[in-house]
Protein backbone atom coordinates (compact mmCIF):
# COMPACT_ATOMS: atom_id res chain seq x y z
CA MET A 1 -10.39 9.24 24.22
CA ASN A 2 -8.94 11.03 21.21
CA LEU A 3 -7.16 8.67 18.84
CA GLU A 4 -6.64 10.93 15.89
CA ARG A 5 -3.24 12.11 14.78
CA THR A 6 -1.95 15.43 16.07
CA SER A 7 -2.58 18.44 13.82
CA VAL A 8 0.83 18.24 12.20
CA MET A 9 2.03 19.18 8.75
CA GLU A 10 2.30 16.01 6.78
CA LYS A 11 3.38 15.78 3.16
CA ILE A 12 1.80 15.19 -0.21
CA ILE A 13 4.32 14.29 -2.87
CA VAL A 14 3.46 15.26 -6.44
CA VAL A 15 5.62 13.56 -9.06
CA ASP A 16 5.60 14.68 -12.73
CA LEU A 17 7.30 11.94 -14.67
CA SER A 18 7.11 13.86 -18.00
CA LYS A 19 9.00 16.93 -16.58
CA LYS A 20 11.01 14.88 -14.01
CA VAL A 21 9.86 17.22 -11.29
CA ILE A 22 9.02 16.35 -7.72
CA GLU A 23 7.03 18.76 -5.59
CA GLU A 24 6.51 18.48 -1.88
CA GLN A 25 3.35 20.01 -0.46
CA ALA A 26 2.49 20.56 3.18
CA TYR A 27 -0.71 18.91 4.28
CA GLU A 28 -2.27 19.68 7.65
CA TYR A 29 -4.18 16.70 9.03
CA SER A 30 -6.99 17.51 11.47
CA GLN A 31 -10.34 16.13 12.41
CA ASN A 32 -12.00 17.65 9.43
CA SER A 33 -9.27 16.75 6.87
CA ASP A 34 -9.60 14.27 4.07
CA TYR A 35 -7.49 11.14 4.49
CA GLY A 36 -7.02 7.77 2.91
CA ARG A 37 -9.61 7.13 0.23
CA GLY A 38 -11.17 10.58 0.59
CA LEU A 39 -7.85 12.35 0.09
CA ALA A 40 -6.91 10.11 -2.82
CA LEU A 41 -10.19 11.01 -4.53
CA GLU A 42 -9.63 14.76 -4.09
CA LEU A 43 -6.07 14.53 -5.42
CA LEU A 44 -7.17 12.39 -8.34
CA LYS A 45 -9.83 15.00 -9.31
CA LYS A 46 -7.30 17.75 -8.96
CA HIS A 47 -4.47 16.11 -11.04
CA THR A 48 -6.41 14.19 -13.73
CA LYS A 49 -7.33 15.98 -16.94
CA PRO A 50 -11.10 15.81 -17.74
CA GLY A 51 -12.01 13.33 -20.46
CA CYS A 52 -8.68 11.51 -20.53
CA GLY A 53 -8.47 7.77 -20.97
CA LYS A 54 -7.11 5.25 -18.54
CA LEU A 55 -3.70 4.89 -20.18
CA ASP A 56 -3.46 8.60 -21.22
CA GLU A 57 -0.69 10.89 -19.97
CA GLY A 58 -3.34 13.08 -18.34
CA ASN A 59 -4.50 10.36 -15.95
CA ALA A 60 -2.97 10.37 -12.48
CA LEU A 61 -2.05 7.47 -10.14
CA VAL A 62 -2.60 8.37 -6.46
CA PHE A 63 -1.28 6.48 -3.43
CA SER A 64 -2.54 7.21 0.06
CA THR A 65 -2.12 5.50 3.48
CA GLY A 66 -4.85 4.46 5.92
CA ILE A 67 -5.79 6.68 8.80
CA LEU A 68 -4.26 4.51 11.48
CA THR A 69 -1.41 3.10 9.37
CA GLY A 70 1.94 3.52 11.04
CA ASN A 71 0.50 3.15 14.54
CA GLN A 72 0.42 0.03 16.78
CA ILE A 73 -3.04 -0.97 15.81
CA PRO A 74 -3.96 -4.48 14.52
CA CYS A 75 -4.59 -4.56 10.75
CA ALA A 76 -3.48 -0.93 10.36
CA THR A 77 -0.98 -1.84 7.65
CA ARG A 78 -2.75 -0.81 4.48
CA ALA A 79 -2.56 1.86 1.78
CA LEU A 80 -4.44 2.17 -1.53
CA VAL A 81 -3.75 3.25 -5.09
CA MET A 82 -6.46 4.95 -7.12
CA THR A 83 -6.78 6.01 -10.72
CA LYS A 84 -9.41 6.79 -13.32
CA GLY A 85 -10.94 3.95 -15.33
CA GLU A 86 -11.63 3.86 -18.98
CA GLY A 87 -14.92 5.47 -20.21
CA LYS A 88 -17.75 4.88 -17.75
CA ASN A 89 -15.76 2.49 -15.53
CA GLY A 90 -15.33 5.27 -13.06
CA LEU A 91 -12.72 4.85 -10.35
CA LEU A 92 -10.22 2.01 -10.03
CA VAL A 93 -9.16 1.40 -6.36
CA SER A 94 -6.79 -1.28 -5.14
CA ASN A 95 -5.78 -1.91 -1.48
CA PHE A 96 -2.43 -3.25 -0.61
CA THR A 97 -0.38 -4.20 2.44
CA GLY A 98 3.26 -5.21 2.92
CA ASP A 99 6.02 -2.98 4.32
CA VAL A 100 5.41 0.11 2.10
CA PRO A 101 2.28 1.58 3.80
CA GLN A 102 3.66 1.77 7.39
CA LYS A 103 6.97 3.15 6.21
CA LEU A 104 5.32 5.89 4.18
CA ALA A 105 3.16 6.82 7.18
CA SER A 106 6.27 6.80 9.36
CA LEU A 107 7.79 9.27 7.00
CA HIS A 108 4.67 11.46 7.48
CA ILE A 109 3.67 11.12 3.87
CA ALA A 110 -0.09 11.30 3.51
CA ALA A 111 -0.22 10.70 -0.28
CA ILE A 112 1.83 10.40 -3.47
CA VAL A 113 0.49 11.58 -6.82
CA ILE A 114 2.12 10.21 -10.03
CA LYS A 115 1.31 11.99 -13.29
CA GLY A 116 2.78 12.24 -16.77
CA LYS A 117 4.86 9.57 -18.49
CA ALA A 118 8.60 8.71 -18.17
CA ALA A 119 10.37 8.92 -21.50
CA ASP A 120 12.67 6.06 -20.66
CA LYS A 121 9.76 3.93 -19.32
CA ASN A 122 11.87 2.97 -16.26
CA ALA A 123 11.13 5.63 -13.57
CA VAL A 124 12.24 4.87 -10.11
CA LEU A 125 11.12 7.09 -7.23
CA TYR A 126 13.18 6.96 -3.93
CA LEU A 127 12.00 8.26 -0.55
CA ASP A 128 13.68 8.40 2.89
CA LYS A 129 13.68 10.87 5.74
CA ASP A 130 16.38 13.03 4.13
CA LYS A 131 15.35 13.16 0.42
CA ILE A 132 12.86 12.29 -2.29
CA CYS A 133 14.42 11.83 -5.72
CA PHE A 134 14.48 9.96 -9.04
CA LEU A 135 17.02 7.12 -9.40
CA ASP A 136 18.59 5.93 -12.59
CA ILE A 137 18.78 2.12 -12.44
CA PRO A 138 18.63 1.00 -16.10
CA GLU A 139 19.29 -2.65 -15.25
CA LEU A 140 15.79 -2.95 -13.70
CA LYS A 141 14.22 -2.87 -17.13
CA GLU A 142 15.49 -6.33 -18.08
CA LEU A 143 14.54 -8.03 -14.78
CA ASN A 144 11.53 -10.05 -13.65
CA VAL A 145 9.86 -9.20 -10.30
CA SER A 146 11.95 -11.54 -8.15
CA GLN A 147 15.19 -10.24 -9.74
CA LYS A 148 14.02 -6.66 -9.34
CA VAL A 149 13.31 -7.11 -5.65
CA GLU A 150 16.65 -8.83 -5.13
CA THR A 151 18.58 -6.12 -7.05
CA ILE A 152 16.97 -3.26 -5.17
CA ARG A 153 17.46 -4.85 -1.74
CA GLU A 154 21.05 -5.63 -2.49
CA ARG A 155 21.74 -1.97 -3.24
CA PHE A 156 19.47 -0.32 -0.57
CA GLY A 157 19.31 -2.94 2.19
CA LYS A 158 16.85 -5.81 2.98
CA ASP A 159 14.72 -3.42 5.00
CA SER A 160 13.93 -1.30 1.91
CA ALA A 161 10.22 -1.49 0.96
CA ILE A 162 9.20 -1.62 -2.70
CA TRP A 163 6.05 -1.03 -4.71
CA GLY A 164 6.68 -1.92 -8.40
CA THR A 165 5.64 -3.37 -11.65
CA GLY A 166 6.65 -6.37 -13.74
CA LYS A 167 6.78 -7.43 -17.42
CA ALA A 168 2.99 -7.60 -17.87
CA ALA A 169 2.68 -3.95 -16.77
CA GLU A 170 5.45 -2.82 -19.06
CA MET A 171 3.49 -4.35 -21.90
CA MET A 172 0.34 -2.65 -20.64
CA LEU A 173 -1.60 -5.96 -20.53
CA PRO A 174 -5.16 -5.73 -19.05
CA ILE A 175 -4.24 -8.53 -16.71
CA ALA A 176 -1.31 -6.69 -15.27
CA THR A 177 -1.14 -5.94 -11.52
CA TYR A 178 1.66 -4.72 -9.34
CA PHE A 179 3.83 -6.11 -6.58
CA VAL A 180 4.56 -4.92 -3.06
CA THR A 181 7.24 -6.39 -0.77
CA TYR A 182 6.92 -7.79 2.66
CA PRO A 183 9.49 -7.43 5.46
CA GLU A 184 12.45 -9.80 5.11
CA GLY A 185 11.26 -13.30 5.19
CA THR A 186 8.77 -15.45 3.23
CA PRO A 187 6.89 -14.49 1.12
CA ARG A 188 9.15 -11.69 -0.23
CA PHE A 189 6.32 -9.99 -2.15
CA SER A 190 2.75 -10.30 -3.18
CA CYS A 191 0.71 -9.21 -6.32
CA PRO A 192 -2.82 -8.08 -5.50
CA ARG A 193 -5.55 -9.60 -7.63
CA ASN A 194 -7.36 -6.37 -8.26
CA GLY A 195 -4.33 -4.21 -9.30
CA PHE A 196 -4.08 -2.18 -12.53
CA GLY A 197 -0.49 -2.39 -13.43
CA ASP A 198 -1.20 -1.34 -16.96
CA VAL A 199 -1.74 2.25 -15.77
CA ALA A 200 1.67 2.28 -13.98
CA GLY A 201 3.22 0.56 -17.00
CA SER A 202 1.79 3.24 -19.41
CA LYS A 203 3.49 5.85 -17.23
CA GLY A 204 6.75 3.96 -17.19
CA LEU A 205 6.77 3.66 -13.40
CA SER A 206 9.05 0.78 -12.54
CA ALA A 207 9.37 1.07 -8.78
CA ILE A 208 8.82 3.18 -5.63
CA ILE A 209 11.47 2.48 -3.00
CA VAL A 210 10.85 3.55 0.59
CA LYS A 211 13.86 3.44 2.91
CA GLU A 212 12.82 3.80 6.52
CA SER A 213 13.60 1.63 9.54
CA ASN A 214 10.47 2.64 11.61
CA TYR A 215 7.12 0.96 11.11
CA PHE A 216 5.30 2.84 13.83
CA GLY A 217 6.43 6.43 13.43
CA ALA A 218 3.13 8.09 12.53
CA SER A 219 2.07 11.02 14.72
CA CYS A 220 -0.48 10.32 17.44
CA VAL A 221 -2.08 12.40 20.27
CA ASN A 222 -1.68 9.60 22.86
CA PRO A 223 0.54 6.71 21.81
CA LYS A 224 0.05 4.79 25.10
CA ALA A 225 -3.73 4.98 25.00
CA LEU A 226 -3.72 3.91 21.34
CA GLN A 227 -1.51 0.93 22.12
CA GLN A 228 -3.81 -0.12 24.93
CA SER A 229 -6.88 0.25 22.66
CA GLY A 230 -5.02 -1.71 20.04
CA LYS A 231 -4.57 -4.65 22.41
CA LYS A 232 -8.36 -4.57 23.19
CA LEU A 233 -9.12 -4.49 19.46
CA ALA A 234 -6.79 -7.47 18.86
CA LYS A 235 -8.63 -9.50 21.42
CA MET A 236 -12.05 -8.55 19.89
CA ILE A 237 -10.84 -9.65 16.37
CA VAL A 238 -9.53 -13.00 17.70
CA GLN A 239 -12.79 -13.76 19.55
CA ASP A 240 -15.09 -12.55 16.79
CA GLU A 241 -17.07 -15.35 15.00
CA ILE A 242 -16.13 -14.12 11.52
CA CYS A 243 -12.82 -12.23 11.92
CA GLY A 244 -11.28 -14.59 14.37
CA GLY A 245 -12.99 -17.86 13.20
CA ALA A 246 -14.56 -18.06 9.75
CA LEU A 247 -12.19 -15.71 7.97
CA PRO A 248 -8.86 -17.43 8.80
CA GLY A 249 -10.54 -20.83 8.75
CA LEU A 250 -12.31 -20.62 5.43
CA GLY A 251 -10.64 -17.78 3.48
CA SER A 252 -12.19 -14.59 2.21
CA ILE A 253 -13.64 -15.92 -1.06
CA THR A 254 -15.46 -18.87 0.49
CA LEU A 255 -16.75 -16.59 3.30
CA LEU A 256 -18.13 -14.00 0.85
CA HIS A 257 -19.97 -16.70 -1.08
CA LEU A 258 -21.51 -18.04 2.11
CA LEU A 259 -22.63 -14.65 3.25
CA LYS A 260 -23.92 -13.72 -0.16
CA ASP A 261 -26.02 -16.89 -0.25
CA LYS A 262 -27.16 -16.27 3.29
CA LYS A 263 -25.94 -19.60 4.40
CA GLU A 264 -24.96 -20.49 7.94
CA LEU A 265 -21.33 -20.42 8.66
CA PRO A 266 -19.91 -23.84 9.50
CA ALA A 267 -18.45 -24.19 12.97
CA ILE A 268 -14.70 -23.68 13.05
CA GLU A 269 -12.83 -25.92 15.37
CA LYS A 270 -10.60 -23.98 17.74
CA LYS A 271 -7.00 -24.87 17.65
CA GLN A 272 -6.24 -26.95 20.67
CA GLU A 273 -3.03 -26.50 22.58
CA ILE A 274 -0.81 -29.53 22.20
CA LYS A 275 1.42 -30.32 25.11
CA LEU A 276 4.41 -32.55 24.41
CA GLU A 277 5.70 -34.68 27.18
CA GLN A 278 9.41 -34.82 27.60
CA LYS A 279 10.81 -38.33 27.74
CA SER A 280 13.73 -39.08 29.79
CA ASP A 281 16.42 -41.31 28.37
């Protein structure tokens, strides 16, 4: 069964913050095309100047969605951001989830390249099905992350997805990460531990706003077959000793330490169904 996307023309968005120029490039995805991490690496090599430093204007920041993101497959909700590290540190790669990846994939955007530096240090990129443009929202510069999320969602709707930076990134602190929103509810956003917000901060990138109601709009050869396979995969995940038991029961950090030390995984008690008896008055 063929589960790959159709050979359609998707988009690569190249954003030059210095020149305030947005270029939309067609990208044909097929069986032999780069995607996800591979595509991000190729774009980083193409758009990063040789020998530049991590926080230099010549360094690029590349976003790309996962190969199955935007389809009805369990755990297919991720994207990554990639950039060049300082000196011999090589690549810096951070995975993130939330509502941005699926909405980007549903807009048929395979990748976004951010290069240059914004003069006002408050660049906001907006994407929907009709347009891709810069927005001028000067008030964001004075807000913390919670206030920034609230302000953007008040203006563009509670279903707007946001990738953005906070005060630590603006100050280009080494500890800086980034935030990404979740669909309406709790939590409203998360900040990945392995983010490199200082690079986005050096470019003056404040936020990327994605306005799209569809979470499952990515192209697919056979959506029904993919959905059925997704249900089978979900069952396998739940029944797996690690994915369905140890990981949710112990957490990723504890699990990694146990596997690294080659220790046996403790038995995880299965949740028992609790039946409540109704009492009559």
